[in-house]
Protein backbone atom coordinates (compact mmCIF):
# COMPACT_ATOMS: atom_id res chain seq x y z
CA UNK A 1 112.09 109.68 54.73
CA UNK A 2 112.93 106.06 53.77
CA UNK A 3 112.87 103.44 56.33
CA UNK A 4 115.55 100.52 55.62
CA UNK A 5 114.18 96.85 55.90
CA UNK A 6 116.28 95.27 58.86
CA UNK A 7 116.51 96.65 61.87
CA UNK A 8 120.13 97.27 63.03
CA UNK A 9 120.99 95.28 65.76
CA UNK A 10 122.60 98.23 67.97
CA UNK A 11 121.06 98.44 71.64
CA UNK A 12 122.25 102.21 72.16
CA UNK A 13 120.27 103.10 68.41
CA UNK A 14 117.45 100.79 69.76
CA UNK A 15 117.23 102.47 72.61
CA UNK A 16 117.18 105.92 71.59
CA UNK A 17 114.15 104.92 69.39
CA UNK A 18 112.16 103.99 72.48
CA UNK A 19 113.46 107.16 73.89
CA UNK A 20 111.72 108.91 71.14
CA UNK A 21 108.46 107.30 71.98
CA UNK A 22 108.27 108.35 75.60
CA UNK A 23 109.38 111.68 74.56
CA UNK A 24 106.34 111.80 72.25
CA UNK A 25 104.11 110.61 75.31
CA UNK A 26 105.29 113.76 77.27
CA UNK A 27 104.28 115.80 74.55
CA UNK A 28 100.84 114.08 74.68
CA UNK A 29 100.07 115.40 77.96
CA UNK A 30 101.52 118.52 77.04
CA UNK A 31 99.55 119.11 73.34
CA UNK A 32 96.59 117.96 75.62
CA UNK A 33 97.51 121.05 78.09
CA UNK A 34 97.97 123.73 75.63
CA UNK A 35 94.87 122.69 73.52
CA UNK A 36 96.56 121.39 70.70
CA UNK A 37 95.03 120.27 67.47
CA UNK A 38 96.08 117.52 65.16
CA UNK A 39 97.46 120.14 62.82
CA UNK A 40 99.75 121.50 65.29
CA UNK A 41 100.73 118.45 67.67
CA UNK A 42 103.87 118.15 68.78
CA UNK A 43 103.67 114.63 69.65
CA UNK A 44 103.19 112.66 66.42
CA UNK A 45 106.56 113.76 65.04
CA UNK A 46 108.47 111.59 67.75
CA UNK A 47 107.24 108.28 66.49
CA UNK A 48 105.67 108.74 62.91
CA UNK A 49 109.32 109.05 61.53
CA UNK A 50 109.48 105.37 62.54
CA UNK A 51 106.19 104.26 60.87
CA UNK A 52 104.51 103.98 63.95
CA UNK A 53 101.05 105.32 64.89
CA UNK A 54 99.05 106.21 68.18
CA UNK A 55 96.71 103.00 68.50
CA UNK A 56 95.60 104.09 72.32
CA UNK A 57 96.26 106.50 74.97
CA UNK A 58 96.50 105.58 78.68
CA UNK A 59 94.49 108.43 80.54
CA UNK A 60 94.63 108.64 84.35
CA UNK A 61 90.82 109.04 85.36
CA UNK A 62 91.98 111.18 88.57
CA UNK A 63 92.79 114.34 86.48
CA UNK A 64 92.19 113.12 83.02
CA UNK A 65 96.01 113.38 82.00
CA UNK A 66 97.63 111.11 79.30
CA UNK A 67 100.82 108.97 81.29
CA UNK A 68 101.20 106.43 78.22
CA UNK A 69 100.46 105.38 74.71
CA UNK A 70 100.58 102.42 72.67
CA UNK A 71 102.04 102.41 69.44
CA UNK A 72 101.47 100.28 66.71
CA UNK A 73 103.56 99.79 63.28
CA UNK A 74 101.99 101.39 60.76
CA UNK A 75 101.92 99.42 57.74
CA UNK A 76 100.20 101.69 55.65
CA UNK A 77 102.61 104.40 55.83
CA UNK A 78 105.30 101.83 55.23
CA UNK A 79 103.96 100.61 51.93
CA UNK A 80 103.78 104.21 51.06
CA UNK A 81 107.54 104.74 51.38
CA UNK A 82 107.97 101.18 49.53
CA UNK A 83 108.64 99.29 52.56
CA UNK A 84 107.18 95.71 51.93
CA UNK A 85 108.29 94.45 55.35
CA UNK A 86 108.53 95.51 58.80
CA UNK A 87 112.32 95.91 59.89
CA UNK A 88 113.58 92.66 61.43
CA UNK A 89 113.69 93.48 65.75
CA UNK A 90 111.21 96.12 65.28
CA UNK A 91 107.90 95.32 68.01
CA UNK A 92 104.56 95.37 66.40
CA UNK A 93 103.52 97.40 69.41
CA UNK A 94 105.00 99.36 71.99
CA UNK A 95 103.96 100.75 75.43
CA UNK A 96 105.61 103.69 76.18
CA UNK A 97 105.15 105.45 79.79
CA UNK A 98 106.08 109.12 80.40
CA UNK A 99 107.64 110.50 84.28
CA UNK A 100 106.71 113.10 86.11
CA UNK A 101 105.43 116.24 84.85
CA UNK A 102 105.87 119.10 87.23
CA UNK A 103 103.48 121.31 85.77
CA UNK A 104 99.65 122.15 86.35
CA UNK A 105 97.51 119.74 86.27
CA UNK A 106 99.47 116.85 86.48
CA UNK A 107 102.00 117.57 89.47
CA UNK A 108 99.61 116.34 92.16
CA UNK A 109 98.86 112.92 90.78
CA UNK A 110 102.40 112.43 89.30
CA UNK A 111 103.94 113.09 92.78
CA UNK A 112 101.76 111.04 94.55
CA UNK A 113 103.03 108.18 92.74
CA UNK A 114 106.10 109.04 92.94
CA UNK A 115 105.77 109.35 97.03
CA UNK A 116 104.24 105.78 96.67
CA UNK A 117 106.97 104.37 94.85
CA UNK A 118 109.61 105.80 97.36
CA UNK A 119 107.69 104.97 100.39
CA UNK A 120 106.71 101.40 99.57
CA UNK A 121 108.46 100.47 96.61
CA UNK A 122 105.48 99.55 94.97
CA UNK A 123 102.88 101.27 92.29
CA UNK A 124 99.87 98.62 92.59
CA UNK A 125 97.91 101.06 94.50
CA UNK A 126 98.09 103.71 91.82
CA UNK A 127 95.01 103.42 89.08
CA UNK A 128 98.00 103.68 86.56
CA UNK A 129 99.16 100.30 87.22
CA UNK A 130 95.82 98.64 86.00
CA UNK A 131 95.38 100.61 83.19
CA UNK A 132 98.95 100.04 82.21
CA UNK A 133 98.99 96.52 82.99
CA UNK A 134 95.34 95.82 80.93
CA UNK A 135 97.00 97.59 77.83
CA UNK A 136 100.02 95.41 77.88
CA UNK A 137 98.19 92.14 78.06
CA UNK A 138 95.92 93.20 75.32
CA UNK A 139 98.81 94.05 73.23
CA UNK A 140 100.50 91.12 73.84
CA UNK A 141 97.44 88.93 73.28
CA UNK A 142 96.78 90.82 69.98
CA UNK A 143 100.50 90.51 68.59
CA UNK A 144 102.35 87.84 70.65
CA UNK A 145 104.55 89.08 73.53
CA UNK A 146 107.47 88.52 71.33
CA UNK A 147 106.32 91.16 69.45
CA UNK A 148 105.66 93.82 72.21
CA UNK A 149 107.60 96.34 74.31
CA UNK A 150 107.26 98.46 77.41
CA UNK A 151 109.35 101.74 77.49
CA UNK A 152 109.68 103.90 80.45
CA UNK A 153 111.21 106.98 81.65
CA UNK A 154 111.55 107.97 85.50
CA UNK A 155 108.29 107.34 87.33
CA UNK A 156 107.28 105.46 83.96
CA UNK A 157 110.00 103.33 84.15
CA UNK A 158 108.94 102.34 87.69
CA UNK A 159 105.69 101.38 86.14
CA UNK A 160 107.30 99.38 83.29
CA UNK A 161 109.05 97.28 85.46
CA UNK A 162 106.15 96.71 87.73
CA UNK A 163 103.69 96.04 85.05
CA UNK A 164 106.24 93.99 83.45
CA UNK A 165 106.96 91.81 86.74
CA UNK A 166 103.29 91.31 87.13
CA UNK A 167 102.72 89.90 83.35
CA UNK A 168 105.54 87.57 83.93
CA UNK A 169 103.55 85.82 86.68
CA UNK A 170 101.47 84.81 84.04
CA UNK A 171 104.15 83.42 81.86
CA UNK A 172 104.05 86.26 79.80
CA UNK A 173 107.39 87.75 79.13
CA UNK A 174 107.92 90.96 76.97
CA UNK A 175 111.05 93.24 76.48
CA UNK A 176 111.44 96.02 78.41
CA UNK A 177 113.56 99.16 77.80
CA UNK A 178 113.99 101.60 81.41
CA UNK A 179 115.40 104.77 81.58
CA UNK A 180 116.34 106.77 84.68
CA UNK A 181 114.68 104.08 87.02
CA UNK A 182 113.74 105.78 90.19
CA UNK A 183 116.02 104.91 92.91
CA UNK A 184 114.86 102.24 95.46
CA UNK A 185 117.75 103.20 98.01
CA UNK A 186 115.28 105.70 99.15
CA UNK A 187 112.61 103.13 99.07
CA UNK A 188 114.47 101.10 101.26
CA UNK A 189 115.12 103.77 103.87
CA UNK A 190 111.53 105.11 103.87
CA UNK A 191 110.28 101.51 104.59
CA UNK A 192 112.90 100.84 107.35
CA UNK A 193 110.98 103.84 109.17
CA UNK A 194 107.98 101.74 109.58
CA UNK A 195 105.06 103.87 110.45
CA UNK A 196 106.78 107.17 109.80
CA UNK A 197 106.71 106.14 106.19
CA UNK A 198 102.94 106.11 105.94
CA UNK A 199 103.14 109.62 108.40
CA UNK A 200 105.70 111.03 105.78
CA UNK A 201 103.29 109.93 102.57
CA UNK A 202 99.99 111.24 104.51
CA UNK A 203 101.60 114.67 105.19
CA UNK A 204 103.06 115.48 102.09
CA UNK A 205 100.34 114.16 99.94
CA UNK A 206 97.82 116.54 101.84
CA UNK A 207 100.55 119.88 101.06
CA UNK A 208 100.68 118.87 97.32
CA UNK A 209 99.12 121.49 95.26
CA UNK A 210 96.20 120.58 92.81
CA UNK A 211 97.04 123.45 90.73
CA UNK A 212 99.39 126.44 89.83
CA UNK A 213 102.62 126.66 87.27
CA UNK A 214 105.78 124.80 87.80
CA UNK A 215 108.53 123.80 85.43
CA UNK A 216 108.12 120.85 83.60
CA UNK A 217 110.65 118.16 84.59
CA UNK A 218 114.11 117.59 82.36
CA UNK A 219 113.11 115.86 79.20
CA UNK A 220 114.98 112.30 78.19
CA UNK A 221 118.68 112.96 77.66
CA UNK A 222 118.30 111.10 73.89
CA UNK A 223 118.52 112.94 70.84
CA UNK A 224 115.96 112.40 67.98
CA UNK A 225 117.71 110.01 65.29
CA UNK A 226 117.56 111.27 61.49
CA UNK A 227 115.83 108.14 60.18
CA UNK A 228 113.88 105.22 61.40
CA UNK A 229 114.69 101.64 61.78
CA UNK A 230 118.02 101.06 59.68
CA UNK A 231 120.80 98.49 58.95
């Protein structure tokens, strides 16, 4: 499908594109769990139509799950469709971060980080924070911060916000798109409980299952567009 040369300055459409990228990250993990191959994987369909390619997957070393991905503009794919230049306004690289999947084997680590955010309004203690920060720094150094975007849904939005803030402390600023950011009102309430917050964290954490099936968290409320970047 031909992608037009100029990116339409429509924020709603733009966010729909990034929502598709995040949905692709959800499916990257589900593809992994279902042991799908390159021939039948579902995730690539959510970025190849926009002429992007998977450059890096972000892995949680605690359980081996995929929680994020770096997607880069695919110049070769664009040229194959006679697209000679990257659409105006389209980033060279996007760091997309998924939210919680209530499904084995990711449920334990996902909920641990959810509780971490709710109890202390911080995700810096998670191994995912450093992995995401390093990936964003690398992309900014490679392409320039003005050509990089970070996007996240739910828990992923929490990581995107805090990783972006951490990078801003080094005077490196990137565009961010956050979907359904976890509410901080609960976090403030728990924090006011003082020591009880830590007790709640440890108690609930010990009760989290390490396996078993559960339903997946609802998908992002975004529809797949019929075309790529457009006028």
